[in-house]
Amino acid sequence: MYVAMLSPAHFACLLGLIITAHAAYSSTQHRSYLRLTEQEFSGLPVDISLQCLLGLLVTCVGVCSVAGTFKDIRIYSELEKKSFETVFNHSSFQCFSHRGRFIDTSVWSRHELNTQDSL
């Protein structure tokens, strides 16, 4: 089916999740068995615990492989490539739809003429 088209990293994620789900199902089956036999719950068997840890490990390896290359934590590696003028120049901070466009420009031009005449 679609399993042949998966990359090894995606397959590792899927396999890890299946192993973890099987471990969860096994633990619920173990608990119901203990209830039926009226035994005390003292903990999960070793095989279910190991299966849970194996599923966690395989899932973590798959997720880290799917994520691709990680960026460096230090900001200096990103800022070394940029000049000082472009560091704080973000287009997302620029706002062109503000209330200043509704101001009548003729009022400002009359005000400028009156201040120049008074000088």
PDB file of N, CA and C in Angstrom:
ATOM      1  N   MET A   1       0.849  -1.167   0.000  1.00  0.00           N
ATOM      2  CA  MET A   1       0.000   0.000   0.000  1.00  0.00           C
ATOM      3  C   MET A   1       0.898   1.234   0.000  1.00  0.00           C
ATOM      4  N   TYR A   2       0.794   2.122   1.001  1.00  0.00           N
ATOM      5  CA  TYR A   2       1.566   3.355   1.046  1.00  0.00           C
ATOM      6  C   TYR A   2       2.869   3.209   1.816  1.00  0.00           C
ATOM      7  N   VAL A   3       3.119   2.062   2.423  1.00  0.00           N
ATOM      8  CA  VAL A   3       4.320   1.877   3.238  1.00  0.00           C
ATOM      9  C   VAL A   3       5.566   1.918   2.366  1.00  0.00           C
ATOM     10  N   ALA A   4       5.481   1.480   1.125  1.00  0.00           N
ATOM     11  CA  ALA A   4       6.640   1.474   0.233  1.00  0.00           C
ATOM     12  C   ALA A   4       7.072   2.886  -0.141  1.00  0.00           C
ATOM     13  N   MET A   5       6.162   3.849  -0.086  1.00  0.00           N
ATOM     14  CA  MET A   5       6.493   5.212  -0.461  1.00  0.00           C
ATOM     15  C   MET A   5       7.064   6.023   0.696  1.00  0.00           C
ATOM     16  N   LEU A   6       7.080   5.483   1.892  1.00  0.00           N
ATOM     17  CA  LEU A   6       7.579   6.222   3.047  1.00  0.00           C
ATOM     18  C   LEU A   6       9.101   6.239   3.054  1.00  0.00           C
ATOM     19  N   SER A   7       9.651   7.361   3.481  1.00  0.00           N
ATOM     20  CA  SER A   7      11.095   7.419   3.674  1.00  0.00           C
ATOM     21  C   SER A   7      11.448   6.663   4.949  1.00  0.00           C
ATOM     22  N   PRO A   8      12.709   6.296   5.129  1.00  0.00           N
ATOM     23  CA  PRO A   8      13.081   5.571   6.353  1.00  0.00           C
ATOM     24  C   PRO A   8      12.776   6.352   7.633  1.00  0.00           C
ATOM     25  N   ALA A   9      12.899   7.656   7.587  1.00  0.00           N
ATOM     26  CA  ALA A   9      12.607   8.461   8.779  1.00  0.00           C
ATOM     27  C   ALA A   9      11.121   8.433   9.102  1.00  0.00           C
ATOM     28  N   HIS A  10      10.281   8.556   8.085  1.00  0.00           N
ATOM     29  CA  HIS A  10       8.842   8.486   8.311  1.00  0.00           C
ATOM     30  C   HIS A  10       8.432   7.085   8.766  1.00  0.00           C
ATOM     31  N   PHE A  11       9.075   6.080   8.199  1.00  0.00           N
ATOM     32  CA  PHE A  11       8.786   4.710   8.610  1.00  0.00           C
ATOM     33  C   PHE A  11       9.167   4.484  10.067  1.00  0.00           C
ATOM     34  N   ALA A  12      10.291   5.083  10.507  1.00  0.00           N
ATOM     35  CA  ALA A  12      10.710   4.955  11.906  1.00  0.00           C
ATOM     36  C   ALA A  12       9.699   5.631  12.825  1.00  0.00           C
ATOM     37  N   CYS A  13       9.165   6.776  12.419  1.00  0.00           N
ATOM     38  CA  CYS A  13       8.132   7.450  13.221  1.00  0.00           C
ATOM     39  C   CYS A  13       6.891   6.578  13.339  1.00  0.00           C
ATOM     40  N   LEU A  14       6.456   6.044  12.221  1.00  0.00           N
ATOM     41  CA  LEU A  14       5.264   5.209  12.216  1.00  0.00           C
ATOM     42  C   LEU A  14       5.470   3.944  13.034  1.00  0.00           C
ATOM     43  N   LEU A  15       6.627   3.311  12.872  1.00  0.00           N
ATOM     44  CA  LEU A  15       6.921   2.097  13.626  1.00  0.00           C
ATOM     45  C   LEU A  15       6.994   2.380  15.122  1.00  0.00           C
ATOM     46  N   GLY A  16       7.623   3.488  15.504  1.00  0.00           N
ATOM     47  CA  GLY A  16       7.711   3.847  16.917  1.00  0.00           C
ATOM     48  C   GLY A  16       6.354   4.110  17.535  1.00  0.00           C
ATOM     49  N   LEU A  17       5.479   4.773  16.773  1.00  0.00           N
ATOM     50  CA  LEU A  17       4.135   5.027  17.287  1.00  0.00           C
ATOM     51  C   LEU A  17       3.322   3.734  17.408  1.00  0.00           C
ATOM     52  N   ILE A  18       3.517   2.820  16.472  1.00  0.00           N
ATOM     53  CA  ILE A  18       2.822   1.530  16.552  1.00  0.00           C
ATOM     54  C   ILE A  18       3.311   0.737  17.753  1.00  0.00           C
ATOM     55  N   ILE A  19       4.624   0.736  17.985  1.00  0.00           N
ATOM     56  CA  ILE A  19       5.190   0.017  19.139  1.00  0.00           C
ATOM     57  C   ILE A  19       4.669   0.623  20.437  1.00  0.00           C
ATOM     58  N   THR A  20       4.616   1.948  20.514  1.00  0.00           N
ATOM     59  CA  THR A  20       4.124   2.609  21.722  1.00  0.00           C
ATOM     60  C   THR A  20       2.640   2.323  21.941  1.00  0.00           C
ATOM     61  N   ALA A  21       1.863   2.321  20.863  1.00  0.00           N
ATOM     62  CA  ALA A  21       0.435   2.004  20.991  1.00  0.00           C
ATOM     63  C   ALA A  21       0.239   0.551  21.433  1.00  0.00           C
ATOM     64  N   HIS A  22       1.078  -0.341  20.924  1.00  0.00           N
ATOM     65  CA  HIS A  22       0.984  -1.741  21.338  1.00  0.00           C
ATOM     66  C   HIS A  22       1.357  -1.895  22.813  1.00  0.00           C
ATOM     67  N   ALA A  23       2.341  -1.137  23.262  1.00  0.00           N
ATOM     68  CA  ALA A  23       2.720  -1.188  24.675  1.00  0.00           C
ATOM     69  C   ALA A  23       1.587  -0.669  25.556  1.00  0.00           C
ATOM     70  N   ALA A  24       0.897   0.366  25.105  1.00  0.00           N
ATOM     71  CA  ALA A  24      -0.238   0.886  25.868  1.00  0.00           C
ATOM     72  C   ALA A  24      -1.372  -0.132  25.915  1.00  0.00           C
ATOM     73  N   TYR A  25      -1.627  -0.784  24.793  1.00  0.00           N
ATOM     74  CA  TYR A  25      -2.670  -1.811  24.757  1.00  0.00           C
ATOM     75  C   TYR A  25      -2.290  -2.997  25.658  1.00  0.00           C
ATOM     76  N   SER A  26      -1.015  -3.367  25.641  1.00  0.00           N
ATOM     77  CA  SER A  26      -0.560  -4.477  26.495  1.00  0.00           C
ATOM     78  C   SER A  26      -0.687  -4.135  27.969  1.00  0.00           C
ATOM     79  N   SER A  27      -0.414  -2.892  28.308  1.00  0.00           N
ATOM     80  CA  SER A  27      -0.524  -2.509  29.719  1.00  0.00           C
ATOM     81  C   SER A  27      -1.982  -2.515  30.184  1.00  0.00           C
ATOM     82  N   THR A  28      -2.899  -2.104  29.320  1.00  0.00           N
ATOM     83  CA  THR A  28      -4.310  -2.171  29.716  1.00  0.00           C
ATOM     84  C   THR A  28      -4.790  -3.618  29.810  1.00  0.00           C
ATOM     85  N   GLN A  29      -4.290  -4.478  28.937  1.00  0.00           N
ATOM     86  CA  GLN A  29      -4.639  -5.899  29.023  1.00  0.00           C
ATOM     87  C   GLN A  29      -4.084  -6.516  30.307  1.00  0.00           C
ATOM     88  N   HIS A  30      -2.886  -6.106  30.683  1.00  0.00           N
ATOM     89  CA  HIS A  30      -2.282  -6.615  31.919  1.00  0.00           C
ATOM     90  C   HIS A  30      -3.091  -6.175  33.138  1.00  0.00           C
ATOM     91  N   ARG A  31      -3.527  -4.908  33.119  1.00  0.00           N
ATOM     92  CA  ARG A  31      -4.337  -4.419  34.243  1.00  0.00           C
ATOM     93  C   ARG A  31      -5.673  -5.153  34.338  1.00  0.00           C
ATOM     94  N   SER A  32      -6.309  -5.400  33.203  1.00  0.00           N
ATOM     95  CA  SER A  32      -7.585  -6.121  33.243  1.00  0.00           C
ATOM     96  C   SER A  32      -7.381  -7.576  33.674  1.00  0.00           C
ATOM     97  N   TYR A  33      -6.255  -8.180  33.299  1.00  0.00           N
ATOM     98  CA  TYR A  33      -5.937  -9.538  33.761  1.00  0.00           C
ATOM     99  C   TYR A  33      -5.770  -9.567  35.277  1.00  0.00           C
ATOM    100  N   LEU A  34      -5.084  -8.556  35.817  1.00  0.00           N
ATOM    101  CA  LEU A  34      -4.896  -8.494  37.267  1.00  0.00           C
ATOM    102  C   LEU A  34      -6.221  -8.287  37.992  1.00  0.00           C
ATOM    103  N   ARG A  35      -7.123  -7.520  37.416  1.00  0.00           N
ATOM    104  CA  ARG A  35      -8.433  -7.324  38.035  1.00  0.00           C
ATOM    105  C   ARG A  35      -9.247  -8.615  38.022  1.00  0.00           C
ATOM    106  N   LEU A  36      -9.172  -9.359  36.910  1.00  0.00           N
ATOM    107  CA  LEU A  36      -9.926 -10.617  36.830  1.00  0.00           C
ATOM    108  C   LEU A  36      -9.418 -11.660  37.815  1.00  0.00           C
ATOM    109  N   THR A  37      -8.112 -11.711  37.992  1.00  0.00           N
ATOM    110  CA  THR A  37      -7.534 -12.691  38.915  1.00  0.00           C
ATOM    111  C   THR A  37      -7.438 -12.156  40.333  1.00  0.00           C
ATOM    112  N   GLU A  38      -7.914 -10.913  40.541  1.00  0.00           N
ATOM    113  CA  GLU A  38      -7.923 -10.251  41.853  1.00  0.00           C
ATOM    114  C   GLU A  38      -6.542 -10.210  42.496  1.00  0.00           C
ATOM    115  N   GLN A  39      -5.558  -9.840  41.680  1.00  0.00           N
ATOM    116  CA  GLN A  39      -4.188  -9.687  42.175  1.00  0.00           C
ATOM    117  C   GLN A  39      -3.885  -8.200  42.353  1.00  0.00           C
ATOM    118  N   GLU A  40      -2.912  -7.927  43.190  1.00  0.00           N
ATOM    119  CA  GLU A  40      -2.455  -6.552  43.432  1.00  0.00           C
ATOM    120  C   GLU A  40      -1.613  -6.086  42.255  1.00  0.00           C
ATOM    121  N   PHE A  41      -1.773  -4.817  41.917  1.00  0.00           N
ATOM    122  CA  PHE A  41      -0.917  -4.248  40.864  1.00  0.00           C
ATOM    123  C   PHE A  41       0.377  -3.770  41.504  1.00  0.00           C
ATOM    124  N   SER A  42       1.470  -4.391  41.109  1.00  0.00           N
ATOM    125  CA  SER A  42       2.770  -4.011  41.672  1.00  0.00           C
ATOM    126  C   SER A  42       3.645  -3.311  40.643  1.00  0.00           C
ATOM    127  N   GLY A  43       3.186  -3.226  39.422  1.00  0.00           N
ATOM    128  CA  GLY A  43       3.950  -2.572  38.363  1.00  0.00           C
ATOM    129  C   GLY A  43       3.799  -3.339  37.064  1.00  0.00           C
ATOM    130  N   LEU A  44       4.266  -2.734  36.004  1.00  0.00           N
ATOM    131  CA  LEU A  44       4.186  -3.379  34.699  1.00  0.00           C
ATOM    132  C   LEU A  44       5.278  -4.430  34.562  1.00  0.00           C
ATOM    133  N   PRO A  45       5.027  -5.472  33.801  1.00  0.00           N
ATOM    134  CA  PRO A  45       6.086  -6.442  33.531  1.00  0.00           C
ATOM    135  C   PRO A  45       7.238  -5.801  32.759  1.00  0.00           C
ATOM    136  N   VAL A  46       8.379  -6.439  32.815  1.00  0.00           N
ATOM    137  CA  VAL A  46       9.582  -5.884  32.198  1.00  0.00           C
ATOM    138  C   VAL A  46       9.432  -5.794  30.686  1.00  0.00           C
ATOM    139  N   ASP A  47       8.779  -6.772  30.068  1.00  0.00           N
ATOM    140  CA  ASP A  47       8.672  -6.741  28.607  1.00  0.00           C
ATOM    141  C   ASP A  47       7.823  -5.568  28.116  1.00  0.00           C
ATOM    142  N   ILE A  48       6.784  -5.206  28.854  1.00  0.00           N
ATOM    143  CA  ILE A  48       5.966  -4.056  28.456  1.00  0.00           C
ATOM    144  C   ILE A  48       6.739  -2.758  28.672  1.00  0.00           C
ATOM    145  N   SER A  49       7.490  -2.671  29.752  1.00  0.00           N
ATOM    146  CA  SER A  49       8.304  -1.471  30.004  1.00  0.00           C
ATOM    147  C   SER A  49       9.374  -1.303  28.932  1.00  0.00           C
ATOM    148  N   LEU A  50      10.022  -2.393  28.560  1.00  0.00           N
ATOM    149  CA  LEU A  50      11.045  -2.322  27.513  1.00  0.00           C
ATOM    150  C   LEU A  50      10.423  -1.970  26.161  1.00  0.00           C
ATOM    151  N   GLN A  51       9.240  -2.499  25.910  1.00  0.00           N
ATOM    152  CA  GLN A  51       8.557  -2.187  24.661  1.00  0.00           C
ATOM    153  C   GLN A  51       8.193  -0.704  24.604  1.00  0.00           C
ATOM    154  N   CYS A  52       7.783  -0.156  25.715  1.00  0.00           N
ATOM    155  CA  CYS A  52       7.455   1.271  25.775  1.00  0.00           C
ATOM    156  C   CYS A  52       8.704   2.123  25.541  1.00  0.00           C
ATOM    157  N   LEU A  53       9.810   1.765  26.158  1.00  0.00           N
ATOM    158  CA  LEU A  53      11.058   2.511  25.966  1.00  0.00           C
ATOM    159  C   LEU A  53      11.575   2.379  24.539  1.00  0.00           C
ATOM    160  N   LEU A  54      11.438   1.191  23.951  1.00  0.00           N
ATOM    161  CA  LEU A  54      11.867   0.998  22.570  1.00  0.00           C
ATOM    162  C   LEU A  54      11.022   1.840  21.617  1.00  0.00           C
ATOM    163  N   GLY A  55       9.714   1.870  21.845  1.00  0.00           N
ATOM    164  CA  GLY A  55       8.847   2.706  21.019  1.00  0.00           C
ATOM    165  C   GLY A  55       9.188   4.171  21.148  1.00  0.00           C
ATOM    166  N   LEU A  56       9.503   4.627  22.356  1.00  0.00           N
ATOM    167  CA  LEU A  56       9.894   6.016  22.567  1.00  0.00           C
ATOM    168  C   LEU A  56      11.197   6.331  21.841  1.00  0.00           C
ATOM    169  N   LEU A  57      12.160   5.436  21.931  1.00  0.00           N
ATOM    170  CA  LEU A  57      13.458   5.647  21.296  1.00  0.00           C
ATOM    171  C   LEU A  57      13.322   5.687  19.775  1.00  0.00           C
ATOM    172  N   VAL A  58      12.583   4.737  19.207  1.00  0.00           N
ATOM    173  CA  VAL A  58      12.417   4.696  17.752  1.00  0.00           C
ATOM    174  C   VAL A  58      11.653   5.924  17.260  1.00  0.00           C
ATOM    175  N   THR A  59      10.648   6.353  18.007  1.00  0.00           N
ATOM    176  CA  THR A  59       9.897   7.551  17.625  1.00  0.00           C
ATOM    177  C   THR A  59      10.777   8.797  17.686  1.00  0.00           C
ATOM    178  N   CYS A  60      11.602   8.913  18.716  1.00  0.00           N
ATOM    179  CA  CYS A  60      12.496  10.079  18.829  1.00  0.00           C
ATOM    180  C   CYS A  60      13.500  10.124  17.687  1.00  0.00           C
ATOM    181  N   VAL A  61      14.050   8.972  17.328  1.00  0.00           N
ATOM    182  CA  VAL A  61      15.005   8.926  16.214  1.00  0.00           C
ATOM    183  C   VAL A  61      14.311   9.310  14.915  1.00  0.00           C
ATOM    184  N   GLY A  62      13.106   8.813  14.711  1.00  0.00           N
ATOM    185  CA  GLY A  62      12.367   9.153  13.499  1.00  0.00           C
ATOM    186  C   GLY A  62      12.004  10.617  13.422  1.00  0.00           C
ATOM    187  N   VAL A  63      11.563  11.190  14.533  1.00  0.00           N
ATOM    188  CA  VAL A  63      11.182  12.603  14.543  1.00  0.00           C
ATOM    189  C   VAL A  63      12.397  13.491  14.306  1.00  0.00           C
ATOM    190  N   CYS A  64      13.519  13.156  14.916  1.00  0.00           N
ATOM    191  CA  CYS A  64      14.736  13.951  14.695  1.00  0.00           C
ATOM    192  C   CYS A  64      15.222  13.837  13.259  1.00  0.00           C
ATOM    193  N   SER A  65      14.989  12.705  12.625  1.00  0.00           N
ATOM    194  CA  SER A  65      15.390  12.539  11.230  1.00  0.00           C
ATOM    195  C   SER A  65      14.441  13.259  10.276  1.00  0.00           C
ATOM    196  N   VAL A  66      13.175  13.290  10.609  1.00  0.00           N
ATOM    197  CA  VAL A  66      12.197  13.974   9.762  1.00  0.00           C
ATOM    198  C   VAL A  66      12.371  15.479   9.855  1.00  0.00           C
ATOM    199  N   ALA A  67      12.768  15.968  11.019  1.00  0.00           N
ATOM    200  CA  ALA A  67      12.866  17.411  11.240  1.00  0.00           C
ATOM    201  C   ALA A  67      13.898  18.072  10.344  1.00  0.00           C
ATOM    202  N   GLY A  68      14.875  17.347   9.869  1.00  0.00           N
ATOM    203  CA  GLY A  68      15.880  17.921   8.986  1.00  0.00           C
ATOM    204  C   GLY A  68      17.016  18.539   9.775  1.00  0.00           C
ATOM    205  N   THR A  69      17.661  19.514   9.160  1.00  0.00           N
ATOM    206  CA  THR A  69      18.801  20.140   9.813  1.00  0.00           C
ATOM    207  C   THR A  69      18.311  21.162  10.827  1.00  0.00           C
ATOM    208  N   PHE A  70      18.927  21.161  11.967  1.00  0.00           N
ATOM    209  CA  PHE A  70      18.577  22.105  13.014  1.00  0.00           C
ATOM    210  C   PHE A  70      19.377  23.383  12.848  1.00  0.00           C
ATOM    211  N   LYS A  71      18.800  24.487  13.272  1.00  0.00           N
ATOM    212  CA  LYS A  71      19.517  25.750  13.253  1.00  0.00           C
ATOM    213  C   LYS A  71      20.344  25.867  14.519  1.00  0.00           C
ATOM    214  N   ASP A  72      21.405  26.638  14.412  1.00  0.00           N
ATOM    215  CA  ASP A  72      22.264  26.860  15.554  1.00  0.00           C
ATOM    216  C   ASP A  72      21.531  27.704  16.587  1.00  0.00           C
ATOM    217  N   ILE A  73      21.743  27.414  17.860  1.00  0.00           N
ATOM    218  CA  ILE A  73      21.069  28.143  18.920  1.00  0.00           C
ATOM    219  C   ILE A  73      21.615  29.563  19.034  1.00  0.00           C
ATOM    220  N   ARG A  74      22.880  29.722  18.809  1.00  0.00           N
ATOM    221  CA  ARG A  74      23.489  31.038  18.958  1.00  0.00           C
ATOM    222  C   ARG A  74      23.014  31.971  17.848  1.00  0.00           C
ATOM    223  N   ILE A  75      22.611  33.163  18.220  1.00  0.00           N
ATOM    224  CA  ILE A  75      22.089  34.138  17.270  1.00  0.00           C
ATOM    225  C   ILE A  75      23.203  34.728  16.413  1.00  0.00           C
ATOM    226  N   TYR A  76      24.426  34.664  16.884  1.00  0.00           N
ATOM    227  CA  TYR A  76      25.526  35.276  16.161  1.00  0.00           C
ATOM    228  C   TYR A  76      25.742  34.630  14.802  1.00  0.00           C
ATOM    229  N   SER A  77      25.471  33.349  14.676  1.00  0.00           N
ATOM    230  CA  SER A  77      25.672  32.686  13.389  1.00  0.00           C
ATOM    231  C   SER A  77      24.719  33.225  12.331  1.00  0.00           C
ATOM    232  N   GLU A  78      23.520  33.653  12.729  1.00  0.00           N
ATOM    233  CA  GLU A  78      22.583  34.243  11.774  1.00  0.00           C
ATOM    234  C   GLU A  78      22.906  35.711  11.513  1.00  0.00           C
ATOM    235  N   LEU A  79      23.344  36.425  12.555  1.00  0.00           N
ATOM    236  CA  LEU A  79      23.582  37.861  12.410  1.00  0.00           C
ATOM    237  C   LEU A  79      24.890  38.180  11.701  1.00  0.00           C
ATOM    238  N   GLU A  80      25.823  37.227  11.638  1.00  0.00           N
ATOM    239  CA  GLU A  80      27.085  37.492  10.950  1.00  0.00           C
ATOM    240  C   GLU A  80      26.874  37.717   9.463  1.00  0.00           C
ATOM    241  N   LYS A  81      25.836  37.136   8.893  1.00  0.00           N
ATOM    242  CA  LYS A  81      25.587  37.227   7.462  1.00  0.00           C
ATOM    243  C   LYS A  81      24.867  38.515   7.074  1.00  0.00           C
ATOM    244  N   LYS A  82      24.350  39.261   8.039  1.00  0.00           N
ATOM    245  CA  LYS A  82      23.561  40.450   7.745  1.00  0.00           C
ATOM    246  C   LYS A  82      24.333  41.715   8.105  1.00  0.00           C
ATOM    247  N   SER A  83      24.047  42.782   7.371  1.00  0.00           N
ATOM    248  CA  SER A  83      24.650  44.062   7.717  1.00  0.00           C
ATOM    249  C   SER A  83      23.814  44.732   8.800  1.00  0.00           C
ATOM    250  N   PHE A  84      24.350  45.791   9.376  1.00  0.00           N
ATOM    251  CA  PHE A  84      23.658  46.459  10.473  1.00  0.00           C
ATOM    252  C   PHE A  84      22.346  47.088  10.010  1.00  0.00           C
ATOM    253  N   GLU A  85      22.300  47.573   8.775  1.00  0.00           N
ATOM    254  CA  GLU A  85      21.105  48.231   8.276  1.00  0.00           C
ATOM    255  C   GLU A  85      19.952  47.246   8.088  1.00  0.00           C
ATOM    256  N   THR A  86      20.254  46.012   7.786  1.00  0.00           N
ATOM    257  CA  THR A  86      19.191  45.049   7.497  1.00  0.00           C
ATOM    258  C   THR A  86      18.785  44.215   8.701  1.00  0.00           C
ATOM    259  N   VAL A  87      19.440  44.370   9.841  1.00  0.00           N
ATOM    260  CA  VAL A  87      19.112  43.541  11.002  1.00  0.00           C
ATOM    261  C   VAL A  87      17.721  43.854  11.520  1.00  0.00           C
ATOM    262  N   PHE A  88      17.392  45.145  11.648  1.00  0.00           N
ATOM    263  CA  PHE A  88      16.098  45.535  12.211  1.00  0.00           C
ATOM    264  C   PHE A  88      15.091  45.935  11.142  1.00  0.00           C
ATOM    265  N   ASN A  89      15.368  45.661   9.900  1.00  0.00           N
ATOM    266  CA  ASN A  89      14.473  46.021   8.810  1.00  0.00           C
ATOM    267  C   ASN A  89      13.579  44.824   8.495  1.00  0.00           C
ATOM    268  N   HIS A  90      12.398  44.805   9.090  1.00  0.00           N
ATOM    269  CA  HIS A  90      11.444  43.725   8.878  1.00  0.00           C
ATOM    270  C   HIS A  90      10.201  44.293   8.220  1.00  0.00           C
ATOM    271  N   SER A  91       9.797  43.708   7.127  1.00  0.00           N
ATOM    272  CA  SER A  91       8.622  44.219   6.431  1.00  0.00           C
ATOM    273  C   SER A  91       7.340  43.995   7.225  1.00  0.00           C
ATOM    274  N   SER A  92       7.353  43.079   8.164  1.00  0.00           N
ATOM    275  CA  SER A  92       6.147  42.826   8.945  1.00  0.00           C
ATOM    276  C   SER A  92       5.865  43.952   9.944  1.00  0.00           C
ATOM    277  N   PHE A  93       6.855  44.777  10.240  1.00  0.00           N
ATOM    278  CA  PHE A  93       6.647  45.878  11.169  1.00  0.00           C
ATOM    279  C   PHE A  93       6.191  47.154  10.462  1.00  0.00           C
ATOM    280  N   GLN A  94       6.192  47.158   9.161  1.00  0.00           N
ATOM    281  CA  GLN A  94       5.791  48.346   8.421  1.00  0.00           C
ATOM    282  C   GLN A  94       4.286  48.330   8.231  1.00  0.00           C
ATOM    283  N   CYS A  95       3.671  49.455   8.556  1.00  0.00           N
ATOM    284  CA  CYS A  95       2.215  49.562   8.465  1.00  0.00           C
ATOM    285  C   CYS A  95       1.877  50.746   7.568  1.00  0.00           C
ATOM    286  N   PHE A  96       1.187  50.465   6.476  1.00  0.00           N
ATOM    287  CA  PHE A  96       0.844  51.528   5.539  1.00  0.00           C
ATOM    288  C   PHE A  96      -0.629  51.892   5.592  1.00  0.00           C
ATOM    289  N   SER A  97      -1.425  51.163   6.308  1.00  0.00           N
ATOM    290  CA  SER A  97      -2.849  51.507   6.408  1.00  0.00           C
ATOM    291  C   SER A  97      -3.111  52.104   7.790  1.00  0.00           C
ATOM    292  N   HIS A  98      -2.639  53.310   7.994  1.00  0.00           N
ATOM    293  CA  HIS A  98      -2.825  53.999   9.266  1.00  0.00           C
ATOM    294  C   HIS A  98      -3.727  55.210   9.059  1.00  0.00           C
ATOM    295  N   ARG A  99      -4.045  55.906  10.119  1.00  0.00           N
ATOM    296  CA  ARG A  99      -5.006  57.010  10.038  1.00  0.00           C
ATOM    297  C   ARG A  99      -4.409  58.264   9.415  1.00  0.00           C
ATOM    298  N   GLY A 100      -3.117  58.294   9.188  1.00  0.00           N
ATOM    299  CA  GLY A 100      -2.495  59.463   8.584  1.00  0.00           C
ATOM    300  C   GLY A 100      -2.907  59.694   7.157  1.00  0.00           C
ATOM    301  N   ARG A 101      -3.389  58.685   6.473  1.00  0.00           N
ATOM    302  CA  ARG A 101      -3.790  58.873   5.081  1.00  0.00           C
ATOM    303  C   ARG A 101      -5.118  59.632   4.961  1.00  0.00           C
ATOM    304  N   PHE A 102      -5.847  59.765   6.061  1.00  0.00           N
ATOM    305  CA  PHE A 102      -7.120  60.466   6.033  1.00  0.00           C
ATOM    306  C   PHE A 102      -6.972  61.956   6.371  1.00  0.00           C
ATOM    307  N   ILE A 103      -5.779  62.369   6.741  1.00  0.00           N
ATOM    308  CA  ILE A 103      -5.554  63.782   7.075  1.00  0.00           C
ATOM    309  C   ILE A 103      -5.585  64.601   5.800  1.00  0.00           C
ATOM    310  N   ASP A 104      -6.274  65.701   5.854  1.00  0.00           N
ATOM    311  CA  ASP A 104      -6.408  66.569   4.691  1.00  0.00           C
ATOM    312  C   ASP A 104      -5.094  67.304   4.477  1.00  0.00           C
ATOM    313  N   THR A 105      -4.476  67.093   3.331  1.00  0.00           N
ATOM    314  CA  THR A 105      -3.179  67.728   3.068  1.00  0.00           C
ATOM    315  C   THR A 105      -3.309  69.217   2.819  1.00  0.00           C
ATOM    316  N   SER A 106      -4.492  69.677   2.435  1.00  0.00           N
ATOM    317  CA  SER A 106      -4.655  71.116   2.202  1.00  0.00           C
ATOM    318  C   SER A 106      -4.563  71.895   3.508  1.00  0.00           C
ATOM    319  N   VAL A 107      -4.952  71.284   4.619  1.00  0.00           N
ATOM    320  CA  VAL A 107      -4.843  71.938   5.918  1.00  0.00           C
ATOM    321  C   VAL A 107      -3.376  72.149   6.259  1.00  0.00           C
ATOM    322  N   TRP A 108      -2.549  71.157   6.001  1.00  0.00           N
ATOM    323  CA  TRP A 108      -1.127  71.286   6.311  1.00  0.00           C
ATOM    324  C   TRP A 108      -0.459  72.313   5.410  1.00  0.00           C
ATOM    325  N   SER A 109      -0.843  72.372   4.155  1.00  0.00           N
ATOM    326  CA  SER A 109      -0.208  73.344   3.261  1.00  0.00           C
ATOM    327  C   SER A 109      -0.607  74.772   3.656  1.00  0.00           C
ATOM    328  N   ARG A 110      -1.863  75.001   4.095  1.00  0.00           N
ATOM    329  CA  ARG A 110      -2.282  76.320   4.559  1.00  0.00           C
ATOM    330  C   ARG A 110      -1.549  76.694   5.844  1.00  0.00           C
ATOM    331  N   HIS A 111      -1.324  75.718   6.725  1.00  0.00           N
ATOM    332  CA  HIS A 111      -0.607  75.978   7.962  1.00  0.00           C
ATOM    333  C   HIS A 111       0.832  76.364   7.681  1.00  0.00           C
ATOM    334  N   GLU A 112       1.459  75.706   6.705  1.00  0.00           N
ATOM    335  CA  GLU A 112       2.841  76.030   6.364  1.00  0.00           C
ATOM    336  C   GLU A 112       2.939  77.430   5.752  1.00  0.00           C
ATOM    337  N   LEU A 113       1.952  77.786   4.940  1.00  0.00           N
ATOM    338  CA  LEU A 113       1.957  79.124   4.337  1.00  0.00           C
ATOM    339  C   LEU A 113       1.799  80.190   5.397  1.00  0.00           C
ATOM    340  N   ASN A 114       0.935  79.964   6.375  1.00  0.00           N
ATOM    341  CA  ASN A 114       0.709  80.950   7.455  1.00  0.00           C
ATOM    342  C   ASN A 114       1.957  81.094   8.320  1.00  0.00           C
ATOM    343  N   THR A 115       2.673  80.022   8.607  1.00  0.00           N
ATOM    344  CA  THR A 115       3.885  80.143   9.432  1.00  0.00           C
ATOM    345  C   THR A 115       5.006  80.805   8.670  1.00  0.00           C
ATOM    346  N   GLN A 116       5.078  80.630   7.346  1.00  0.00           N
ATOM    347  CA  GLN A 116       6.133  81.289   6.570  1.00  0.00           C
ATOM    348  C   GLN A 116       5.847  82.789   6.425  1.00  0.00           C
ATOM    349  N   ASP A 117       4.588  83.145   6.326  1.00  0.00           N
ATOM    350  CA  ASP A 117       4.231  84.562   6.207  1.00  0.00           C
ATOM    351  C   ASP A 117       4.489  85.306   7.510  1.00  0.00           C
ATOM    352  N   SER A 118       4.328  84.635   8.634  1.00  0.00           N
ATOM    353  CA  SER A 118       4.517  85.316   9.912  1.00  0.00           C
ATOM    354  C   SER A 118       5.999  85.496  10.231  1.00  0.00           C
ATOM    355  N   LEU A 119       6.871  84.743   9.591  1.00  0.00           N
ATOM    356  CA  LEU A 119       8.314  84.901   9.838  1.00  0.00           C
ATOM    357  C   LEU A 119       8.803  86.055   9.055  1.00  0.00           C
TER     358      LEU A 119
END
